[in-house]
Amino acid sequence: MATYRLDITKEHCPMTFVKTKIELAKLKEKDILEVLLLEGEPLENVPCTSREQGFNVLSVVPVKDNVYKVTIQK
């Protein structure tokens, strides 16, 4: 099991989940992707859409002002 990081704080929807999905597709089963994203639409959409796609959202935690880390397991 490996952990990877993706920073999409400079991206806007719908590219936030598109980039997340591309990275998740590269992972092996049980690998983890830590996604840094902004509060608002990305924070609402990425965890929800990840769950809908069958991924396991392990946590959503604030990192600093308006930035969150979403931890997703394949």
PDB file of N, CA and C in Angstrom:
ATOM      1  N   MET A   1       0.847  -1.185   0.000  1.00  0.00           N
ATOM      2  CA  MET A   1       0.000   0.000   0.000  1.00  0.00           C
ATOM      3  C   MET A   1       0.891   1.247   0.000  1.00  0.00           C
ATOM      4  N   ALA A   2       0.611   2.173  -0.888  1.00  0.00           N
ATOM      5  CA  ALA A   2       1.389   3.401  -1.008  1.00  0.00           C
ATOM      6  C   ALA A   2       0.465   4.609  -0.868  1.00  0.00           C
ATOM      7  N   THR A   3       1.055   5.737  -0.504  1.00  0.00           N
ATOM      8  CA  THR A   3       0.299   6.975  -0.376  1.00  0.00           C
ATOM      9  C   THR A   3       0.845   7.993  -1.375  1.00  0.00           C
ATOM     10  N   TYR A   4      -0.063   8.634  -2.089  1.00  0.00           N
ATOM     11  CA  TYR A   4       0.284   9.631  -3.092  1.00  0.00           C
ATOM     12  C   TYR A   4      -0.410  10.940  -2.751  1.00  0.00           C
ATOM     13  N   ARG A   5       0.124  12.043  -3.283  1.00  0.00           N
ATOM     14  CA  ARG A   5      -0.461  13.358  -3.011  1.00  0.00           C
ATOM     15  C   ARG A   5      -0.809  14.052  -4.319  1.00  0.00           C
ATOM     16  N   LEU A   6      -1.905  14.822  -4.267  1.00  0.00           N
ATOM     17  CA  LEU A   6      -2.351  15.616  -5.409  1.00  0.00           C
ATOM     18  C   LEU A   6      -2.807  16.969  -4.891  1.00  0.00           C
ATOM     19  N   ASP A   7      -2.249  18.035  -5.440  1.00  0.00           N
ATOM     20  CA  ASP A   7      -2.638  19.395  -5.060  1.00  0.00           C
ATOM     21  C   ASP A   7      -3.478  19.990  -6.181  1.00  0.00           C
ATOM     22  N   ILE A   8      -4.768  20.180  -5.902  1.00  0.00           N
ATOM     23  CA  ILE A   8      -5.659  20.774  -6.903  1.00  0.00           C
ATOM     24  C   ILE A   8      -6.207  22.118  -6.409  1.00  0.00           C
ATOM     25  N   THR A   9      -5.444  22.776  -5.543  1.00  0.00           N
ATOM     26  CA  THR A   9      -5.906  24.048  -4.987  1.00  0.00           C
ATOM     27  C   THR A   9      -5.983  25.159  -6.034  1.00  0.00           C
ATOM     28  N   LYS A  10      -5.320  24.989  -7.154  1.00  0.00           N
ATOM     29  CA  LYS A  10      -5.369  26.014  -8.212  1.00  0.00           C
ATOM     30  C   LYS A  10      -6.360  25.655  -9.316  1.00  0.00           C
ATOM     31  N   GLU A  11      -7.047  24.529  -9.161  1.00  0.00           N
ATOM     32  CA  GLU A  11      -8.008  24.069 -10.173  1.00  0.00           C
ATOM     33  C   GLU A  11      -9.436  24.501  -9.810  1.00  0.00           C
ATOM     34  N   HIS A  12     -10.300  24.490 -10.810  1.00  0.00           N
ATOM     35  CA  HIS A  12     -11.712  24.829 -10.618  1.00  0.00           C
ATOM     36  C   HIS A  12     -12.562  23.677 -11.143  1.00  0.00           C
ATOM     37  N   CYS A  13     -13.764  23.528 -10.588  1.00  0.00           N
ATOM     38  CA  CYS A  13     -14.680  22.483 -11.058  1.00  0.00           C
ATOM     39  C   CYS A  13     -15.010  22.737 -12.518  1.00  0.00           C
ATOM     40  N   PRO A  14     -15.139  21.718 -13.335  1.00  0.00           N
ATOM     41  CA  PRO A  14     -15.127  20.298 -13.002  1.00  0.00           C
ATOM     42  C   PRO A  14     -13.732  19.667 -13.009  1.00  0.00           C
ATOM     43  N   MET A  15     -12.681  20.449 -13.258  1.00  0.00           N
ATOM     44  CA  MET A  15     -11.334  19.883 -13.363  1.00  0.00           C
ATOM     45  C   MET A  15     -10.842  19.294 -12.043  1.00  0.00           C
ATOM     46  N   THR A  16     -11.410  19.735 -10.923  1.00  0.00           N
ATOM     47  CA  THR A  16     -10.961  19.209  -9.636  1.00  0.00           C
ATOM     48  C   THR A  16     -11.189  17.701  -9.570  1.00  0.00           C
ATOM     49  N   PHE A  17     -12.389  17.243  -9.924  1.00  0.00           N
ATOM     50  CA  PHE A  17     -12.614  15.799  -9.849  1.00  0.00           C
ATOM     51  C   PHE A  17     -11.999  15.072 -11.041  1.00  0.00           C
ATOM     52  N   VAL A  18     -11.926  15.707 -12.183  1.00  0.00           N
ATOM     53  CA  VAL A  18     -11.295  15.068 -13.352  1.00  0.00           C
ATOM     54  C   VAL A  18      -9.846  14.712 -13.008  1.00  0.00           C
ATOM     55  N   LYS A  19      -9.106  15.659 -12.457  1.00  0.00           N
ATOM     56  CA  LYS A  19      -7.702  15.395 -12.100  1.00  0.00           C
ATOM     57  C   LYS A  19      -7.613  14.352 -10.984  1.00  0.00           C
ATOM     58  N   THR A  20      -8.541  14.412 -10.023  1.00  0.00           N
ATOM     59  CA  THR A  20      -8.564  13.418  -8.939  1.00  0.00           C
ATOM     60  C   THR A  20      -8.819  12.032  -9.505  1.00  0.00           C
ATOM     61  N   LYS A  21      -9.777  11.910 -10.402  1.00  0.00           N
ATOM     62  CA  LYS A  21     -10.118  10.608 -10.975  1.00  0.00           C
ATOM     63  C   LYS A  21      -8.957  10.030 -11.789  1.00  0.00           C
ATOM     64  N   ILE A  22      -8.253  10.881 -12.520  1.00  0.00           N
ATOM     65  CA  ILE A  22      -7.091  10.422 -13.295  1.00  0.00           C
ATOM     66  C   ILE A  22      -6.038   9.847 -12.351  1.00  0.00           C
ATOM     67  N   GLU A  23      -5.777  10.525 -11.246  1.00  0.00           N
ATOM     68  CA  GLU A  23      -4.782  10.031 -10.283  1.00  0.00           C
ATOM     69  C   GLU A  23      -5.253   8.742  -9.620  1.00  0.00           C
ATOM     70  N   LEU A  24      -6.531   8.669  -9.258  1.00  0.00           N
ATOM     71  CA  LEU A  24      -7.064   7.448  -8.640  1.00  0.00           C
ATOM     72  C   LEU A  24      -6.953   6.254  -9.591  1.00  0.00           C
ATOM     73  N   ALA A  25      -7.131   6.494 -10.881  1.00  0.00           N
ATOM     74  CA  ALA A  25      -7.046   5.407 -11.868  1.00  0.00           C
ATOM     75  C   ALA A  25      -5.643   4.814 -11.926  1.00  0.00           C
ATOM     76  N   LYS A  26      -4.628   5.589 -11.581  1.00  0.00           N
ATOM     77  CA  LYS A  26      -3.247   5.119 -11.617  1.00  0.00           C
ATOM     78  C   LYS A  26      -2.887   4.244 -10.415  1.00  0.00           C
ATOM     79  N   LEU A  27      -3.692   4.330  -9.354  1.00  0.00           N
ATOM     80  CA  LEU A  27      -3.357   3.636  -8.110  1.00  0.00           C
ATOM     81  C   LEU A  27      -3.698   2.154  -8.152  1.00  0.00           C
ATOM     82  N   LYS A  28      -3.015   1.408  -7.296  1.00  0.00           N
ATOM     83  CA  LYS A  28      -3.336   0.000  -7.096  1.00  0.00           C
ATOM     84  C   LYS A  28      -4.376  -0.100  -5.984  1.00  0.00           C
ATOM     85  N   GLU A  29      -5.045  -1.233  -5.914  1.00  0.00           N
ATOM     86  CA  GLU A  29      -6.037  -1.477  -4.868  1.00  0.00           C
ATOM     87  C   GLU A  29      -5.428  -1.221  -3.487  1.00  0.00           C
ATOM     88  N   LYS A  30      -6.150  -0.509  -2.637  1.00  0.00           N
ATOM     89  CA  LYS A  30      -5.761  -0.158  -1.256  1.00  0.00           C
ATOM     90  C   LYS A  30      -4.773   1.003  -1.166  1.00  0.00           C
ATOM     91  N   ASP A  31      -4.251   1.502  -2.298  1.00  0.00           N
ATOM     92  CA  ASP A  31      -3.397   2.686  -2.258  1.00  0.00           C
ATOM     93  C   ASP A  31      -4.228   3.889  -1.806  1.00  0.00           C
ATOM     94  N   ILE A  32      -3.533   4.904  -1.316  1.00  0.00           N
ATOM     95  CA  ILE A  32      -4.211   6.087  -0.775  1.00  0.00           C
ATOM     96  C   ILE A  32      -3.774   7.321  -1.551  1.00  0.00           C
ATOM     97  N   LEU A  33      -4.752   8.198  -1.817  1.00  0.00           N
ATOM     98  CA  LEU A  33      -4.486   9.479  -2.462  1.00  0.00           C
ATOM     99  C   LEU A  33      -4.910  10.588  -1.505  1.00  0.00           C
ATOM    100  N   GLU A  34      -3.968  11.469  -1.162  1.00  0.00           N
ATOM    101  CA  GLU A  34      -4.273  12.641  -0.345  1.00  0.00           C
ATOM    102  C   GLU A  34      -4.429  13.826  -1.287  1.00  0.00           C
ATOM    103  N   VAL A  35      -5.621  14.410  -1.297  1.00  0.00           N
ATOM    104  CA  VAL A  35      -5.941  15.495  -2.223  1.00  0.00           C
ATOM    105  C   VAL A  35      -6.063  16.799  -1.444  1.00  0.00           C
ATOM    106  N   LEU A  36      -5.251  17.783  -1.820  1.00  0.00           N
ATOM    107  CA  LEU A  36      -5.384  19.118  -1.239  1.00  0.00           C
ATOM    108  C   LEU A  36      -6.292  19.930  -2.142  1.00  0.00           C
ATOM    109  N   LEU A  37      -7.336  20.514  -1.543  1.00  0.00           N
ATOM    110  CA  LEU A  37      -8.286  21.282  -2.330  1.00  0.00           C
ATOM    111  C   LEU A  37      -8.844  22.435  -1.521  1.00  0.00           C
ATOM    112  N   LEU A  38      -9.526  23.329  -2.214  1.00  0.00           N
ATOM    113  CA  LEU A  38     -10.091  24.507  -1.571  1.00  0.00           C
ATOM    114  C   LEU A  38     -11.492  24.247  -1.041  1.00  0.00           C
ATOM    115  N   GLU A  39     -11.838  25.039  -0.050  1.00  0.00           N
ATOM    116  CA  GLU A  39     -13.187  25.023   0.505  1.00  0.00           C
ATOM    117  C   GLU A  39     -14.176  25.438  -0.587  1.00  0.00           C
ATOM    118  N   GLY A  40     -15.431  25.036  -0.451  1.00  0.00           N
ATOM    119  CA  GLY A  40     -16.442  25.410  -1.431  1.00  0.00           C
ATOM    120  C   GLY A  40     -16.771  24.237  -2.339  1.00  0.00           C
ATOM    121  N   GLU A  41     -16.959  24.533  -3.611  1.00  0.00           N
ATOM    122  CA  GLU A  41     -17.387  23.514  -4.576  1.00  0.00           C
ATOM    123  C   GLU A  41     -16.445  22.302  -4.644  1.00  0.00           C
ATOM    124  N   PRO A  42     -15.116  22.488  -4.699  1.00  0.00           N
ATOM    125  CA  PRO A  42     -14.243  21.305  -4.717  1.00  0.00           C
ATOM    126  C   PRO A  42     -14.416  20.432  -3.471  1.00  0.00           C
ATOM    127  N   LEU A  43     -14.542  21.065  -2.308  1.00  0.00           N
ATOM    128  CA  LEU A  43     -14.693  20.324  -1.061  1.00  0.00           C
ATOM    129  C   LEU A  43     -16.027  19.579  -1.014  1.00  0.00           C
ATOM    130  N   GLU A  44     -17.038  20.130  -1.642  1.00  0.00           N
ATOM    131  CA  GLU A  44     -18.341  19.460  -1.701  1.00  0.00           C
ATOM    132  C   GLU A  44     -18.325  18.317  -2.720  1.00  0.00           C
ATOM    133  N   ASN A  45     -17.728  18.569  -3.881  1.00  0.00           N
ATOM    134  CA  ASN A  45     -17.826  17.617  -4.995  1.00  0.00           C
ATOM    135  C   ASN A  45     -16.855  16.446  -4.949  1.00  0.00           C
ATOM    136  N   VAL A  46     -15.596  16.684  -4.612  1.00  0.00           N
ATOM    137  CA  VAL A  46     -14.596  15.620  -4.699  1.00  0.00           C
ATOM    138  C   VAL A  46     -14.915  14.447  -3.760  1.00  0.00           C
ATOM    139  N   PRO A  47     -15.183  14.682  -2.464  1.00  0.00           N
ATOM    140  CA  PRO A  47     -15.512  13.525  -1.604  1.00  0.00           C
ATOM    141  C   PRO A  47     -16.797  12.814  -2.030  1.00  0.00           C
ATOM    142  N   CYS A  48     -17.824  13.586  -2.363  1.00  0.00           N
ATOM    143  CA  CYS A  48     -19.111  13.003  -2.755  1.00  0.00           C
ATOM    144  C   CYS A  48     -18.978  12.173  -4.025  1.00  0.00           C
ATOM    145  N   THR A  49     -18.349  12.731  -5.047  1.00  0.00           N
ATOM    146  CA  THR A  49     -18.199  12.027  -6.319  1.00  0.00           C
ATOM    147  C   THR A  49     -17.274  10.827  -6.160  1.00  0.00           C
ATOM    148  N   SER A  50     -16.255  10.937  -5.317  1.00  0.00           N
ATOM    149  CA  SER A  50     -15.361   9.800  -5.068  1.00  0.00           C
ATOM    150  C   SER A  50     -16.144   8.624  -4.485  1.00  0.00           C
ATOM    151  N   ARG A  51     -17.006   8.909  -3.513  1.00  0.00           N
ATOM    152  CA  ARG A  51     -17.845   7.848  -2.922  1.00  0.00           C
ATOM    153  C   ARG A  51     -18.756   7.238  -3.977  1.00  0.00           C
ATOM    154  N   GLU A  52     -19.372   8.097  -4.795  1.00  0.00           N
ATOM    155  CA  GLU A  52     -20.273   7.608  -5.846  1.00  0.00           C
ATOM    156  C   GLU A  52     -19.541   6.698  -6.830  1.00  0.00           C
ATOM    157  N   GLN A  53     -18.250   6.939  -7.044  1.00  0.00           N
ATOM    158  CA  GLN A  53     -17.447   6.155  -7.977  1.00  0.00           C
ATOM    159  C   GLN A  53     -16.906   4.877  -7.329  1.00  0.00           C
ATOM    160  N   GLY A  54     -17.227   4.671  -6.042  1.00  0.00           N
ATOM    161  CA  GLY A  54     -16.831   3.441  -5.363  1.00  0.00           C
ATOM    162  C   GLY A  54     -15.547   3.512  -4.561  1.00  0.00           C
ATOM    163  N   PHE A  55     -15.011   4.712  -4.382  1.00  0.00           N
ATOM    164  CA  PHE A  55     -13.799   4.869  -3.588  1.00  0.00           C
ATOM    165  C   PHE A  55     -14.154   5.111  -2.127  1.00  0.00           C
ATOM    166  N   ASN A  56     -13.211   4.837  -1.231  1.00  0.00           N
ATOM    167  CA  ASN A  56     -13.428   4.989   0.194  1.00  0.00           C
ATOM    168  C   ASN A  56     -12.806   6.306   0.658  1.00  0.00           C
ATOM    169  N   VAL A  57     -13.644   7.251   1.065  1.00  0.00           N
ATOM    170  CA  VAL A  57     -13.147   8.525   1.588  1.00  0.00           C
ATOM    171  C   VAL A  57     -12.864   8.321   3.072  1.00  0.00           C
ATOM    172  N   LEU A  58     -11.578   8.319   3.427  1.00  0.00           N
ATOM    173  CA  LEU A  58     -11.161   8.028   4.803  1.00  0.00           C
ATOM    174  C   LEU A  58     -11.295   9.231   5.717  1.00  0.00           C
ATOM    175  N   SER A  59     -10.985  10.425   5.205  1.00  0.00           N
ATOM    176  CA  SER A  59     -11.086  11.616   6.051  1.00  0.00           C
ATOM    177  C   SER A  59     -11.109  12.883   5.213  1.00  0.00           C
ATOM    178  N   VAL A  60     -11.655  13.929   5.844  1.00  0.00           N
ATOM    179  CA  VAL A  60     -11.647  15.276   5.281  1.00  0.00           C
ATOM    180  C   VAL A  60     -11.253  16.190   6.436  1.00  0.00           C
ATOM    181  N   VAL A  61     -10.056  16.775   6.357  1.00  0.00           N
ATOM    182  CA  VAL A  61      -9.563  17.594   7.463  1.00  0.00           C
ATOM    183  C   VAL A  61      -9.031  18.935   6.961  1.00  0.00           C
ATOM    184  N   PRO A  62      -9.270  20.001   7.742  1.00  0.00           N
ATOM    185  CA  PRO A  62      -8.703  21.301   7.369  1.00  0.00           C
ATOM    186  C   PRO A  62      -7.194  21.302   7.563  1.00  0.00           C
ATOM    187  N   VAL A  63      -6.483  21.943   6.623  1.00  0.00           N
ATOM    188  CA  VAL A  63      -5.026  22.013   6.682  1.00  0.00           C
ATOM    189  C   VAL A  63      -4.595  23.435   7.056  1.00  0.00           C
ATOM    190  N   LYS A  64      -5.171  24.418   6.380  1.00  0.00           N
ATOM    191  CA  LYS A  64      -4.943  25.836   6.668  1.00  0.00           C
ATOM    192  C   LYS A  64      -6.126  26.602   6.109  1.00  0.00           C
ATOM    193  N   ASP A  65      -6.075  27.912   6.135  1.00  0.00           N
ATOM    194  CA  ASP A  65      -7.203  28.729   5.686  1.00  0.00           C
ATOM    195  C   ASP A  65      -7.741  28.287   4.336  1.00  0.00           C
ATOM    196  N   ASN A  66      -8.979  27.833   4.336  1.00  0.00           N
ATOM    197  CA  ASN A  66      -9.703  27.444   3.111  1.00  0.00           C
ATOM    198  C   ASN A  66      -9.122  26.241   2.375  1.00  0.00           C
ATOM    199  N   VAL A  67      -8.116  25.565   2.916  1.00  0.00           N
ATOM    200  CA  VAL A  67      -7.518  24.399   2.265  1.00  0.00           C
ATOM    201  C   VAL A  67      -7.791  23.163   3.113  1.00  0.00           C
ATOM    202  N   TYR A  68      -8.232  22.105   2.444  1.00  0.00           N
ATOM    203  CA  TYR A  68      -8.555  20.846   3.113  1.00  0.00           C
ATOM    204  C   TYR A  68      -7.781  19.698   2.481  1.00  0.00           C
ATOM    205  N   LYS A  69      -7.590  18.639   3.271  1.00  0.00           N
ATOM    206  CA  LYS A  69      -6.979  17.420   2.753  1.00  0.00           C
ATOM    207  C   LYS A  69      -8.032  16.318   2.803  1.00  0.00           C
ATOM    208  N   VAL A  70      -8.322  15.779   1.630  1.00  0.00           N
ATOM    209  CA  VAL A  70      -9.263  14.675   1.519  1.00  0.00           C
ATOM    210  C   VAL A  70      -8.435  13.420   1.253  1.00  0.00           C
ATOM    211  N   THR A  71      -8.588  12.417   2.129  1.00  0.00           N
ATOM    212  CA  THR A  71      -7.841  11.187   1.990  1.00  0.00           C
ATOM    213  C   THR A  71      -8.763  10.124   1.426  1.00  0.00           C
ATOM    214  N   ILE A  72      -8.388   9.569   0.263  1.00  0.00           N
ATOM    215  CA  ILE A  72      -9.232   8.634  -0.480  1.00  0.00           C
ATOM    216  C   ILE A  72      -8.443   7.331  -0.687  1.00  0.00           C
ATOM    217  N   GLN A  73      -9.104   6.204  -0.422  1.00  0.00           N
ATOM    218  CA  GLN A  73      -8.476   4.910  -0.672  1.00  0.00           C
ATOM    219  C   GLN A  73      -9.159   4.243  -1.841  1.00  0.00           C
ATOM    220  N   LYS A  74      -8.325   3.683  -2.722  1.00  0.00           N
ATOM    221  CA  LYS A  74      -8.861   2.981  -3.897  1.00  0.00           C
ATOM    222  C   LYS A  74      -9.393   1.629  -3.495  1.00  0.00           C
TER     223      LYS A  74
END
